[in-house]
Amino acid sequence: MSKNESESMIASNMISHDDVVELLRITILVYNYGKTFTIEDENETIETFVNKLIKNGTTDKIGLSDTRKSILLDVAKNTPSGKVHTFISNTESDVQVGVTINKTDKRICVVFRGSESTKDWFYDLKIKKHNLKDGIWVHSGFYQQLYENGVYDKLLASVKQIVGEHPDFSLYVTGHSLGAALATLCGFMFSQEFKNQITVVSFASPRVGDAEWKSAFEKQHNLVHYRIANNRDIVTAFPMYKYHHVGKTIRLFENSYSIFVDNSKFSWYDFTLLQCWRIGDHDCDFYYKRLLQNKWD
């Protein structure tokens, strides 16, 4: 689809650029959360937390790069009422996932951290499929990491509590790399647990499941997926054999973008190693740079 054709569809069919930027900001910060900084008080907003850092002169002491410090300040400015409701860090499966709540925008966000450790790559490379249900097969490593040691059950309980208190809030699930795959799988499972609209926004996602998975995912009436992909990101090419991408794709180039509302519009070589071969395009901060360069509304 050309840029002009893309722009004509945005108003009614696409998520706003600003929303995607905000989701990528918290997706980037989850890489540091629990390691270089933590909000200890569950009642503290991101605004008050950042204001304390500024007042105490400690913004340079929480282990963030200049880009990520700027992102933290932007999050505090744009979503001042935002809070971290739950943070799950499972040492055995090496899953880190946070649940945030923003009462101003009436938004609940589930944010998965991406691949960082040897354990993460162990799960990434397990390409044998798991029978999710009814002949729907998904990547066994992604499934195992989401469900191992009760991670999904704890996550579901946390989100159910918030939805019970705020039934009119929208529910977003996001992540980068491995976190994107987990977000896509989790979003699908959530769509069968909640009546709320579920919006998955993934960055640099590998494929998650087979053709039946794709069909079931895209038939869920309360589920939409926006898959953000850098043009030559190598991870978006895997796994290749009998795996399928799902949802709407926003593909980022250096100074342009393409939007595909139907993944069947791809050429056969799109998202294969013939097109996607660059490791550097996978970097989460590089996604942020590319996203800021390409505003579609």
Protein backbone atom coordinates (compact mmCIF):
# COMPACT_ATOMS: atom_id res chain seq x y z
CA MET A 1 0.00 0.00 0.00
CA SER A 2 1.33 3.43 -0.88
CA LYS A 3 1.68 6.21 1.65
CA ASN A 4 -1.25 8.12 0.12
CA GLU A 5 -3.47 5.05 0.25
CA SER A 6 -2.33 4.46 3.81
CA GLU A 7 -3.18 8.00 4.89
CA SER A 8 -6.71 7.73 3.54
CA MET A 9 -7.41 4.81 5.89
CA ILE A 10 -5.83 6.15 9.05
CA ALA A 11 -8.73 8.10 10.53
CA SER A 12 -11.08 5.16 10.81
CA ASN A 13 -8.80 2.14 10.93
CA MET A 14 -5.47 2.93 12.55
CA ILE A 15 -4.10 3.66 15.98
CA SER A 16 -2.71 7.16 16.39
CA HIS A 17 0.99 7.79 16.07
CA ASP A 18 1.04 9.49 19.48
CA ASP A 19 -0.42 6.41 21.17
CA VAL A 20 2.18 4.16 19.56
CA VAL A 21 4.98 6.49 20.69
CA GLU A 22 3.69 6.44 24.28
CA LEU A 23 3.50 2.64 24.24
CA LEU A 24 7.03 2.34 22.89
CA ARG A 25 8.29 4.67 25.61
CA ILE A 26 7.02 2.43 28.40
CA THR A 27 8.19 -0.63 26.46
CA ILE A 28 11.71 0.83 26.42
CA LEU A 29 11.60 1.71 30.12
CA VAL A 30 10.58 -1.81 31.13
CA TYR A 31 14.09 -2.91 30.14
CA ASN A 32 15.39 -0.82 33.07
CA TYR A 33 12.52 -1.19 35.51
CA GLY A 34 13.37 -3.41 38.45
CA LYS A 35 17.08 -3.16 37.64
CA THR A 36 18.24 0.46 37.57
CA PHE A 37 15.11 2.05 39.03
CA THR A 38 11.89 1.00 40.73
CA ILE A 39 8.83 2.86 42.01
CA GLU A 40 8.44 1.31 45.44
CA ASP A 41 5.17 2.97 46.47
CA GLU A 42 2.25 1.50 44.47
CA ASN A 43 0.28 4.70 45.05
CA GLU A 44 2.99 6.95 43.62
CA THR A 45 2.42 8.33 40.15
CA ILE A 46 5.13 8.55 37.53
CA GLU A 47 4.90 12.36 37.78
CA THR A 48 5.62 12.47 41.52
CA PHE A 49 8.41 9.90 41.12
CA VAL A 50 10.14 11.95 38.45
CA ASN A 51 9.61 15.20 40.34
CA LYS A 52 11.42 13.65 43.32
CA LEU A 53 14.33 12.67 41.09
CA ILE A 54 14.56 16.21 39.74
CA LYS A 55 14.24 17.79 43.18
CA ASN A 56 16.91 15.52 44.65
CA GLY A 57 19.17 15.86 41.62
CA THR A 58 19.29 12.10 41.09
CA THR A 59 18.03 11.75 37.52
CA ASP A 60 21.61 10.93 36.44
CA LYS A 61 21.94 8.21 39.07
CA ILE A 62 19.26 5.75 37.96
CA GLY A 63 21.22 4.11 35.18
CA LEU A 64 19.46 5.53 32.15
CA SER A 65 21.01 6.72 28.90
CA ASP A 66 20.27 10.28 27.81
CA THR A 67 17.61 8.97 25.42
CA ARG A 68 15.92 6.95 28.14
CA LYS A 69 16.07 9.80 30.66
CA SER A 70 14.31 11.95 28.07
CA ILE A 71 11.73 9.18 27.57
CA LEU A 72 11.10 8.97 31.32
CA LEU A 73 10.53 12.73 31.48
CA ASP A 74 8.16 12.57 28.50
CA VAL A 75 6.16 9.76 30.10
CA ALA A 76 5.82 11.78 33.30
CA LYS A 77 4.70 14.83 31.31
CA ASN A 78 2.23 13.05 29.01
CA THR A 79 0.75 10.54 31.46
CA PRO A 80 1.24 12.18 34.88
CA SER A 81 -1.39 10.03 36.59
CA GLY A 82 0.21 6.80 35.41
CA LYS A 83 1.09 4.20 38.04
CA VAL A 84 2.81 0.84 38.09
CA HIS A 85 0.13 -1.47 39.49
CA THR A 86 1.98 -4.78 39.24
CA PHE A 87 5.46 -5.89 38.24
CA ILE A 88 6.19 -9.59 37.80
CA SER A 89 9.79 -10.76 37.58
CA ASN A 90 10.15 -14.52 37.38
CA THR A 91 13.77 -15.58 37.79
CA GLU A 92 13.25 -19.14 36.53
CA SER A 93 11.68 -18.23 33.20
CA ASP A 94 13.28 -14.76 33.14
CA VAL A 95 9.99 -13.02 32.32
CA GLN A 96 9.57 -9.40 33.31
CA VAL A 97 6.17 -7.83 32.74
CA GLY A 98 4.54 -4.76 34.20
CA VAL A 99 0.92 -3.66 34.49
CA THR A 100 0.35 0.08 34.45
CA ILE A 101 -2.81 2.06 34.95
CA ASN A 102 -3.55 5.56 33.67
CA LYS A 103 -6.81 6.97 35.00
CA THR A 104 -6.60 10.14 32.90
CA ASP A 105 -6.70 8.23 29.62
CA LYS A 106 -8.66 5.31 31.12
CA ARG A 107 -6.00 2.89 29.98
CA ILE A 108 -4.53 -0.32 31.36
CA CYS A 109 -1.22 -1.40 29.82
CA VAL A 110 0.51 -4.77 30.07
CA VAL A 111 4.16 -4.33 29.09
CA PHE A 112 6.51 -7.26 28.39
CA ARG A 113 10.27 -6.92 28.40
CA GLY A 114 12.17 -8.30 25.40
CA SER A 115 15.11 -10.69 24.98
CA GLU A 116 18.12 -9.88 27.14
CA SER A 117 19.50 -13.07 28.64
CA THR A 118 20.66 -16.53 27.60
CA LYS A 119 17.40 -17.90 29.01
CA ASP A 120 15.42 -15.61 26.74
CA TRP A 121 17.25 -16.86 23.68
CA PHE A 122 16.67 -20.44 24.84
CA TYR A 123 12.92 -19.80 24.68
CA ASP A 124 13.22 -17.85 21.42
CA LEU A 125 14.95 -20.73 19.67
CA LYS A 126 12.47 -23.41 20.75
CA ILE A 127 10.54 -23.44 17.49
CA LYS A 128 8.59 -26.64 18.13
CA LYS A 129 4.87 -25.82 18.26
CA HIS A 130 2.45 -26.20 21.17
CA ASN A 131 -1.21 -27.11 20.61
CA LEU A 132 -2.97 -24.13 22.17
CA LYS A 133 -6.45 -25.52 21.50
CA ASP A 134 -8.70 -26.69 18.66
CA GLY A 135 -5.82 -27.32 16.28
CA ILE A 136 -4.26 -23.90 16.91
CA TRP A 137 -0.50 -24.28 17.19
CA VAL A 138 1.86 -21.66 18.62
CA HIS A 139 5.58 -21.38 19.31
CA SER A 140 6.27 -23.67 22.28
CA GLY A 141 9.01 -21.42 23.70
CA PHE A 142 6.77 -18.36 23.80
CA TYR A 143 3.91 -20.38 25.28
CA GLN A 144 6.15 -21.92 27.94
CA GLN A 145 7.65 -18.62 28.98
CA LEU A 146 4.21 -16.99 29.32
CA TYR A 147 2.71 -19.83 31.36
CA GLU A 148 5.68 -21.25 33.29
CA ASN A 149 5.54 -20.77 37.08
CA GLY A 150 2.06 -19.23 36.90
CA VAL A 151 3.15 -15.99 35.21
CA TYR A 152 0.05 -15.76 33.03
CA ASP A 153 -2.30 -16.61 35.92
CA LYS A 154 -0.76 -13.88 38.10
CA LEU A 155 -0.98 -11.42 35.23
CA LEU A 156 -4.59 -12.32 34.51
CA ALA A 157 -5.54 -11.94 38.19
CA SER A 158 -3.94 -8.49 38.33
CA VAL A 159 -5.68 -7.26 35.18
CA LYS A 160 -9.03 -8.74 36.27
CA GLN A 161 -8.76 -6.78 39.51
CA ILE A 162 -8.19 -3.52 37.67
CA VAL A 163 -10.89 -4.21 35.08
CA GLY A 164 -13.29 -5.04 37.90
CA GLU A 165 -12.63 -1.63 39.41
CA HIS A 166 -12.57 0.18 36.05
CA PRO A 167 -14.73 -1.76 33.58
CA ASP A 168 -14.74 1.09 31.04
CA PHE A 169 -10.95 1.24 30.73
CA SER A 170 -9.29 0.16 27.50
CA LEU A 171 -6.70 -2.62 27.65
CA TYR A 172 -3.39 -2.51 25.78
CA VAL A 173 -0.70 -5.19 25.60
CA THR A 174 2.74 -4.29 24.26
CA GLY A 175 6.36 -5.39 24.10
CA HIS A 176 9.52 -5.51 22.01
CA SER A 177 11.21 -8.58 20.48
CA LEU A 178 10.46 -11.62 22.68
CA GLY A 179 8.21 -9.26 24.65
CA ALA A 180 6.31 -8.54 21.42
CA ALA A 181 5.69 -12.24 20.86
CA LEU A 182 4.52 -12.67 24.46
CA ALA A 183 2.29 -9.60 24.12
CA THR A 184 0.69 -11.02 20.96
CA LEU A 185 0.02 -14.39 22.58
CA CYS A 186 -1.19 -12.79 25.83
CA GLY A 187 -3.47 -10.38 23.95
CA PHE A 188 -5.12 -13.31 22.18
CA MET A 189 -5.72 -15.10 25.49
CA PHE A 190 -7.02 -11.89 27.11
CA SER A 191 -9.51 -11.40 24.27
CA GLN A 192 -11.23 -14.58 25.41
CA GLU A 193 -11.22 -13.56 29.07
CA PHE A 194 -12.49 -9.99 28.80
CA LYS A 195 -15.29 -8.19 26.98
CA ASN A 196 -13.11 -5.08 26.80
CA GLN A 197 -11.42 -4.12 23.56
CA ILE A 198 -7.89 -5.58 23.56
CA THR A 199 -5.26 -3.69 21.56
CA VAL A 200 -1.88 -5.32 20.99
CA VAL A 201 0.93 -3.06 19.84
CA SER A 202 4.08 -5.05 19.17
CA PHE A 203 7.54 -3.87 18.19
CA ALA A 204 10.02 -6.13 16.34
CA SER A 205 7.90 -9.24 16.81
CA PRO A 206 8.83 -12.66 15.50
CA ARG A 207 6.01 -14.89 14.24
CA VAL A 208 4.00 -16.64 16.95
CA GLY A 209 1.84 -19.37 15.39
CA ASP A 210 0.52 -21.30 12.40
CA ALA A 211 -2.21 -20.60 9.85
CA GLU A 212 -4.96 -21.69 12.27
CA TRP A 213 -3.52 -19.32 14.87
CA LYS A 214 -3.63 -16.47 12.37
CA SER A 215 -7.23 -17.27 11.45
CA ALA A 216 -8.38 -17.53 15.08
CA PHE A 217 -6.52 -14.37 16.09
CA GLU A 218 -8.01 -12.26 13.33
CA LYS A 219 -11.55 -13.52 13.97
CA GLN A 220 -11.58 -12.27 17.58
CA HIS A 221 -14.08 -9.39 17.48
CA ASN A 222 -12.57 -7.55 20.47
CA LEU A 223 -8.93 -7.91 19.44
CA VAL A 224 -6.76 -5.75 17.19
CA HIS A 225 -3.01 -5.95 16.64
CA TYR A 226 -0.70 -3.26 15.28
CA ARG A 227 2.68 -4.78 14.44
CA ILE A 228 5.46 -2.20 14.16
CA ALA A 229 8.46 -3.45 12.17
CA ASN A 230 11.68 -1.80 11.06
CA ASN A 231 12.27 -2.46 7.38
CA ARG A 232 15.22 -4.86 7.68
CA ASP A 233 14.85 -6.13 11.27
CA ILE A 234 16.16 -9.70 11.17
CA VAL A 235 14.02 -10.95 14.06
CA THR A 236 10.80 -10.21 12.14
CA ALA A 237 11.85 -12.91 9.63
CA PHE A 238 11.67 -15.74 12.20
CA PRO A 239 10.43 -18.41 12.59
CA MET A 240 9.79 -18.88 8.88
CA TYR A 241 8.46 -22.38 8.17
CA LYS A 242 4.68 -22.63 8.67
CA TYR A 243 4.54 -19.57 10.93
CA HIS A 244 2.48 -16.47 10.17
CA HIS A 245 2.43 -12.83 11.23
CA VAL A 246 -0.94 -11.49 12.42
CA GLY A 247 -2.65 -8.11 12.51
CA LYS A 248 -2.02 -4.80 10.76
CA THR A 249 1.59 -3.96 9.95
CA ILE A 250 3.23 -0.55 10.13
CA ARG A 251 6.63 -0.84 8.48
CA LEU A 252 9.21 1.84 9.25
CA PHE A 253 11.89 3.01 6.84
CA GLU A 254 14.45 5.77 7.38
CA ASN A 255 12.24 8.58 6.06
CA SER A 256 8.95 6.86 5.22
CA TYR A 257 6.51 4.20 6.30
CA SER A 258 4.12 1.69 4.77
CA ILE A 259 0.88 0.45 6.28
CA PHE A 260 -0.59 -2.95 5.52
CA VAL A 261 -4.06 -3.54 6.95
CA ASP A 262 -3.98 -7.04 5.46
CA ASN A 263 -0.79 -9.10 5.70
CA SER A 264 -1.76 -11.04 2.56
CA LYS A 265 -0.66 -7.94 0.62
CA PHE A 266 3.00 -8.67 1.34
CA SER A 267 5.26 -9.97 -1.41
CA TRP A 268 6.40 -13.54 -0.85
CA TYR A 269 9.87 -12.39 0.17
CA ASP A 270 8.72 -9.76 2.68
CA PHE A 271 9.80 -10.66 6.22
CA THR A 272 12.20 -13.32 5.00
CA LEU A 273 16.00 -13.16 5.21
CA LEU A 274 16.05 -11.86 1.64
CA GLN A 275 14.53 -8.63 2.96
CA CYS A 276 15.14 -8.69 6.72
CA TRP A 277 18.80 -9.33 7.50
CA ARG A 278 20.02 -6.44 9.65
CA ILE A 279 20.63 -7.06 13.37
CA GLY A 280 20.98 -3.34 14.14
CA ASP A 281 17.43 -2.65 12.96
CA HIS A 282 16.17 -4.73 15.89
CA ASP A 283 17.40 -2.37 18.62
CA CYS A 284 14.55 -0.97 20.73
CA ASP A 285 15.99 2.57 20.90
CA PHE A 286 16.45 2.50 17.13
CA TYR A 287 12.74 1.71 16.78
CA TYR A 288 12.06 4.83 18.83
CA LYS A 289 14.24 6.95 16.55
CA ARG A 290 12.53 5.59 13.43
CA LEU A 291 9.08 6.05 14.93
CA LEU A 292 9.72 9.70 15.73
CA GLN A 293 10.90 10.22 12.14
CA ASN A 294 7.66 8.88 10.66
CA LYS A 295 4.41 10.43 11.88
CA TRP A 296 1.33 9.09 10.11
CA ASP A 297 -1.28 11.45 11.49
